[in-house]
Amino acid sequence: MNSIVTVKPGEPASREGLFLVQHLWNELAGLYGNTGPCQFLPTDVTGPGFAFVLAWHDGQAVGCGALKPLMPGVGEIKRMFVEASVRRQGIGREILRTLEAIARPLGYMTIRLETGIRQPGAIRLYETCGYNRIERYGPFANAR
């Protein structure tokens, strides 16, 4: 990658945060048939034990990710997204690395995440970063 990418804490209610999560929602709708308005609320990723980061590339916000408490000692990665035009440049990997670094001082010993089967690029990213497949959990435990 020729340009510099920075990933740093951001505000989920910022223009950039809302814009990126809306793009994520639109992409998921195309893959899974979600209908209706985006269900993300900035308060979904704010408070003790939460984090939200933005990835910047050439002065533009091009990616985001969040961390939230799942249970004591376990955090969950949420809202990972990188704009299609800049994928496969290591930005998603850097977002994930930043969230993992934030997770340690928050006391998370384990990090989990969920992604759908229609997202092979995301699955590949997570597996190459050392994540292993586990049984589905939470609201998607019975999803097919």
C-alpha atoms as a PDB file:
ATOM      1  CA  MET A   1       0.000   0.000   0.000  1.00  0.00           C
ATOM      2  CA  ASN A   2       1.464   3.317  -1.022  1.00  0.00           C
ATOM      3  CA  SER A   3      -0.474   5.650   1.240  1.00  0.00           C
ATOM      4  CA  ILE A   4      -0.586   5.820   4.976  1.00  0.00           C
ATOM      5  CA  VAL A   5      -3.467   4.262   6.835  1.00  0.00           C
ATOM      6  CA  THR A   6      -4.199   5.211  10.413  1.00  0.00           C
ATOM      7  CA  VAL A   7      -6.697   3.551  12.689  1.00  0.00           C
ATOM      8  CA  LYS A   8      -7.674   5.421  15.806  1.00  0.00           C
ATOM      9  CA  PRO A   9     -10.572   5.716  18.224  1.00  0.00           C
ATOM     10  CA  GLY A  10     -13.507   7.583  16.768  1.00  0.00           C
ATOM     11  CA  GLU A  11     -17.030   8.571  17.600  1.00  0.00           C
ATOM     12  CA  PRO A  12     -19.745   6.213  16.350  1.00  0.00           C
ATOM     13  CA  ALA A  13     -22.143   9.179  16.130  1.00  0.00           C
ATOM     14  CA  SER A  14     -19.745  11.159  13.928  1.00  0.00           C
ATOM     15  CA  ARG A  15     -20.622  11.828  10.308  1.00  0.00           C
ATOM     16  CA  GLU A  16     -17.907   9.373   9.225  1.00  0.00           C
ATOM     17  CA  GLY A  17     -18.972   6.675  11.684  1.00  0.00           C
ATOM     18  CA  LEU A  18     -22.629   6.834  10.666  1.00  0.00           C
ATOM     19  CA  PHE A  19     -21.693   6.963   6.962  1.00  0.00           C
ATOM     20  CA  LEU A  20     -19.511   3.841   7.174  1.00  0.00           C
ATOM     21  CA  VAL A  21     -22.004   1.846   9.223  1.00  0.00           C
ATOM     22  CA  GLN A  22     -24.713   2.780   6.699  1.00  0.00           C
ATOM     23  CA  HIS A  23     -22.466   1.441   3.904  1.00  0.00           C
ATOM     24  CA  LEU A  24     -21.983  -1.753   5.909  1.00  0.00           C
ATOM     25  CA  TRP A  25     -25.750  -2.058   6.348  1.00  0.00           C
ATOM     26  CA  ASN A  26     -26.325  -1.539   2.620  1.00  0.00           C
ATOM     27  CA  GLU A  27     -23.759  -4.202   1.751  1.00  0.00           C
ATOM     28  CA  LEU A  28     -25.265  -6.696   4.189  1.00  0.00           C
ATOM     29  CA  ALA A  29     -28.721  -5.983   2.796  1.00  0.00           C
ATOM     30  CA  GLY A  30     -27.472  -6.935  -0.667  1.00  0.00           C
ATOM     31  CA  LEU A  31     -25.908 -10.144   0.629  1.00  0.00           C
ATOM     32  CA  TYR A  32     -28.583 -11.312   3.047  1.00  0.00           C
ATOM     33  CA  GLY A  33     -31.744  -9.481   2.009  1.00  0.00           C
ATOM     34  CA  ASN A  34     -32.050  -7.259   5.073  1.00  0.00           C
ATOM     35  CA  THR A  35     -34.803  -4.748   4.661  1.00  0.00           C
ATOM     36  CA  GLY A  36     -35.642  -1.570   6.433  1.00  0.00           C
ATOM     37  CA  PRO A  37     -33.549   1.200   7.878  1.00  0.00           C
ATOM     38  CA  CYS A  38     -30.160   0.645   9.423  1.00  0.00           C
ATOM     39  CA  GLN A  39     -30.632  -0.720  12.930  1.00  0.00           C
ATOM     40  CA  PHE A  40     -27.310   0.621  14.244  1.00  0.00           C
ATOM     41  CA  LEU A  41     -27.439   3.155  17.026  1.00  0.00           C
ATOM     42  CA  PRO A  42     -24.226   4.847  18.170  1.00  0.00           C
ATOM     43  CA  THR A  43     -25.202   3.908  21.719  1.00  0.00           C
ATOM     44  CA  ASP A  44     -24.822   0.243  20.647  1.00  0.00           C
ATOM     45  CA  VAL A  45     -21.042   0.706  20.909  1.00  0.00           C
ATOM     46  CA  THR A  46     -20.565   3.266  23.668  1.00  0.00           C
ATOM     47  CA  GLY A  47     -20.014   2.902  27.383  1.00  0.00           C
ATOM     48  CA  PRO A  48     -17.659   1.015  29.679  1.00  0.00           C
ATOM     49  CA  GLY A  49     -15.843  -1.804  27.881  1.00  0.00           C
ATOM     50  CA  PHE A  50     -16.782  -0.517  24.426  1.00  0.00           C
ATOM     51  CA  ALA A  51     -14.584   0.930  21.688  1.00  0.00           C
ATOM     52  CA  PHE A  52     -15.159   2.287  18.190  1.00  0.00           C
ATOM     53  CA  VAL A  53     -12.383   2.953  15.691  1.00  0.00           C
ATOM     54  CA  LEU A  54     -12.158   4.602  12.313  1.00  0.00           C
ATOM     55  CA  ALA A  55      -9.605   3.831   9.606  1.00  0.00           C
ATOM     56  CA  TRP A  56      -8.305   6.793   7.632  1.00  0.00           C
ATOM     57  CA  HIS A  57      -6.683   6.529   4.195  1.00  0.00           C
ATOM     58  CA  ASP A  58      -5.515   9.638   2.334  1.00  0.00           C
ATOM     59  CA  GLY A  59      -7.583  11.831   4.671  1.00  0.00           C
ATOM     60  CA  GLN A  60     -10.809   9.872   4.138  1.00  0.00           C
ATOM     61  CA  ALA A  61     -12.571   7.597   6.624  1.00  0.00           C
ATOM     62  CA  VAL A  62     -12.644   4.243   4.822  1.00  0.00           C
ATOM     63  CA  GLY A  63     -13.299   1.699   7.543  1.00  0.00           C
ATOM     64  CA  CYS A  64     -14.579   1.111  11.022  1.00  0.00           C
ATOM     65  CA  GLY A  65     -14.886  -1.475  13.726  1.00  0.00           C
ATOM     66  CA  ALA A  66     -16.197  -1.780  17.251  1.00  0.00           C
ATOM     67  CA  LEU A  67     -15.571  -3.789  20.371  1.00  0.00           C
ATOM     68  CA  LYS A  68     -18.218  -4.551  22.954  1.00  0.00           C
ATOM     69  CA  PRO A  69     -18.448  -6.657  26.093  1.00  0.00           C
ATOM     70  CA  LEU A  70     -20.012 -10.067  25.495  1.00  0.00           C
ATOM     71  CA  MET A  71     -19.512 -11.582  28.944  1.00  0.00           C
ATOM     72  CA  PRO A  72     -16.895 -11.139  31.674  1.00  0.00           C
ATOM     73  CA  GLY A  73     -13.445 -11.437  30.085  1.00  0.00           C
ATOM     74  CA  VAL A  74     -14.875 -11.823  26.572  1.00  0.00           C
ATOM     75  CA  GLY A  75     -15.197  -9.032  24.043  1.00  0.00           C
ATOM     76  CA  GLU A  76     -16.932  -9.132  20.687  1.00  0.00           C
ATOM     77  CA  ILE A  77     -15.838  -7.446  17.466  1.00  0.00           C
ATOM     78  CA  LYS A  78     -18.742  -5.698  15.752  1.00  0.00           C
ATOM     79  CA  ARG A  79     -19.340  -3.401  12.779  1.00  0.00           C
ATOM     80  CA  MET A  80     -16.106  -4.274  10.953  1.00  0.00           C
ATOM     81  CA  PHE A  81     -16.224  -2.659   7.543  1.00  0.00           C
ATOM     82  CA  VAL A  82     -13.845  -1.396   4.860  1.00  0.00           C
ATOM     83  CA  GLU A  83     -15.021   0.454   1.762  1.00  0.00           C
ATOM     84  CA  ALA A  84     -14.866  -1.813  -1.309  1.00  0.00           C
ATOM     85  CA  SER A  85     -12.595   0.589  -3.192  1.00  0.00           C
ATOM     86  CA  VAL A  86      -9.752   0.114  -0.693  1.00  0.00           C
ATOM     87  CA  ARG A  87     -10.116  -3.532   0.269  1.00  0.00           C
ATOM     88  CA  ARG A  88      -7.248  -6.003   0.090  1.00  0.00           C
ATOM     89  CA  GLN A  89      -4.763  -3.346   1.233  1.00  0.00           C
ATOM     90  CA  GLY A  90      -4.449  -4.441   4.864  1.00  0.00           C
ATOM     91  CA  ILE A  91      -6.930  -1.935   6.273  1.00  0.00           C
ATOM     92  CA  GLY A  92      -9.255  -4.562   7.759  1.00  0.00           C
ATOM     93  CA  ARG A  93      -6.259  -6.290   9.321  1.00  0.00           C
ATOM     94  CA  GLU A  94      -5.152  -2.980  10.877  1.00  0.00           C
ATOM     95  CA  ILE A  95      -8.649  -2.287  12.240  1.00  0.00           C
ATOM     96  CA  LEU A  96      -8.699  -5.753  13.804  1.00  0.00           C
ATOM     97  CA  ARG A  97      -5.178  -5.318  15.232  1.00  0.00           C
ATOM     98  CA  THR A  98      -6.168  -1.975  16.779  1.00  0.00           C
ATOM     99  CA  LEU A  99      -9.316  -3.409  18.362  1.00  0.00           C
ATOM    100  CA  GLU A 100      -7.314  -6.323  19.771  1.00  0.00           C
ATOM    101  CA  ALA A 101      -4.811  -3.877  21.287  1.00  0.00           C
ATOM    102  CA  ILE A 102      -7.657  -1.889  22.855  1.00  0.00           C
ATOM    103  CA  ALA A 103      -9.216  -5.115  24.209  1.00  0.00           C
ATOM    104  CA  ARG A 104      -6.230  -6.113  26.348  1.00  0.00           C
ATOM    105  CA  PRO A 105      -6.319  -3.196  28.804  1.00  0.00           C
ATOM    106  CA  LEU A 106     -10.105  -3.572  29.017  1.00  0.00           C
ATOM    107  CA  GLY A 107      -9.530  -7.031  30.490  1.00  0.00           C
ATOM    108  CA  TYR A 108     -10.715  -9.152  27.585  1.00  0.00           C
ATOM    109  CA  MET A 109      -8.947 -12.510  27.541  1.00  0.00           C
ATOM    110  CA  THR A 110     -10.969 -13.770  24.569  1.00  0.00           C
ATOM    111  CA  ILE A 111     -12.370 -11.997  21.536  1.00  0.00           C
ATOM    112  CA  ARG A 112     -15.203 -13.394  19.457  1.00  0.00           C
ATOM    113  CA  LEU A 113     -16.916 -12.223  16.325  1.00  0.00           C
ATOM    114  CA  GLU A 114     -19.596 -13.331  13.950  1.00  0.00           C
ATOM    115  CA  THR A 115     -19.647 -13.028  10.220  1.00  0.00           C
ATOM    116  CA  GLY A 116     -21.943 -14.544   7.646  1.00  0.00           C
ATOM    117  CA  ILE A 117     -21.170 -17.294   5.161  1.00  0.00           C
ATOM    118  CA  ARG A 118     -21.754 -14.911   2.256  1.00  0.00           C
ATOM    119  CA  GLN A 119     -18.700 -12.893   3.274  1.00  0.00           C
ATOM    120  CA  PRO A 120     -15.752 -15.092   2.243  1.00  0.00           C
ATOM    121  CA  GLY A 121     -13.316 -12.160   2.280  1.00  0.00           C
ATOM    122  CA  ALA A 122     -14.158 -11.398   5.902  1.00  0.00           C
ATOM    123  CA  ILE A 123     -13.905 -15.064   6.852  1.00  0.00           C
ATOM    124  CA  ARG A 124     -10.506 -15.287   5.167  1.00  0.00           C
ATOM    125  CA  LEU A 125      -9.310 -12.161   6.994  1.00  0.00           C
ATOM    126  CA  TYR A 126     -10.347 -13.464  10.402  1.00  0.00           C
ATOM    127  CA  GLU A 127      -8.903 -16.938   9.826  1.00  0.00           C
ATOM    128  CA  THR A 128      -5.574 -15.554   8.605  1.00  0.00           C
ATOM    129  CA  CYS A 129      -5.490 -13.387  11.744  1.00  0.00           C
ATOM    130  CA  GLY A 130      -5.777 -16.490  13.930  1.00  0.00           C
ATOM    131  CA  TYR A 131      -9.498 -16.700  14.586  1.00  0.00           C
ATOM    132  CA  ASN A 132     -11.101 -20.148  14.609  1.00  0.00           C
ATOM    133  CA  ARG A 133     -14.625 -21.141  13.746  1.00  0.00           C
ATOM    134  CA  ILE A 134     -16.859 -21.857  16.706  1.00  0.00           C
ATOM    135  CA  GLU A 135     -20.535 -22.648  17.149  1.00  0.00           C
ATOM    136  CA  ARG A 136     -22.907 -19.806  16.385  1.00  0.00           C
ATOM    137  CA  TYR A 137     -23.961 -17.780  19.393  1.00  0.00           C
ATOM    138  CA  GLY A 138     -26.225 -14.921  20.372  1.00  0.00           C
ATOM    139  CA  PRO A 139     -29.014 -13.747  18.072  1.00  0.00           C
ATOM    140  CA  PHE A 140     -27.610 -15.715  15.121  1.00  0.00           C
ATOM    141  CA  ALA A 141     -27.253 -19.056  16.935  1.00  0.00           C
ATOM    142  CA  ASN A 142     -29.942 -20.652  14.771  1.00  0.00           C
ATOM    143  CA  ALA A 143     -29.283 -18.754  11.538  1.00  0.00           C
ATOM    144  CA  ARG A 144     -28.696 -20.724   8.362  1.00  0.00           C
END
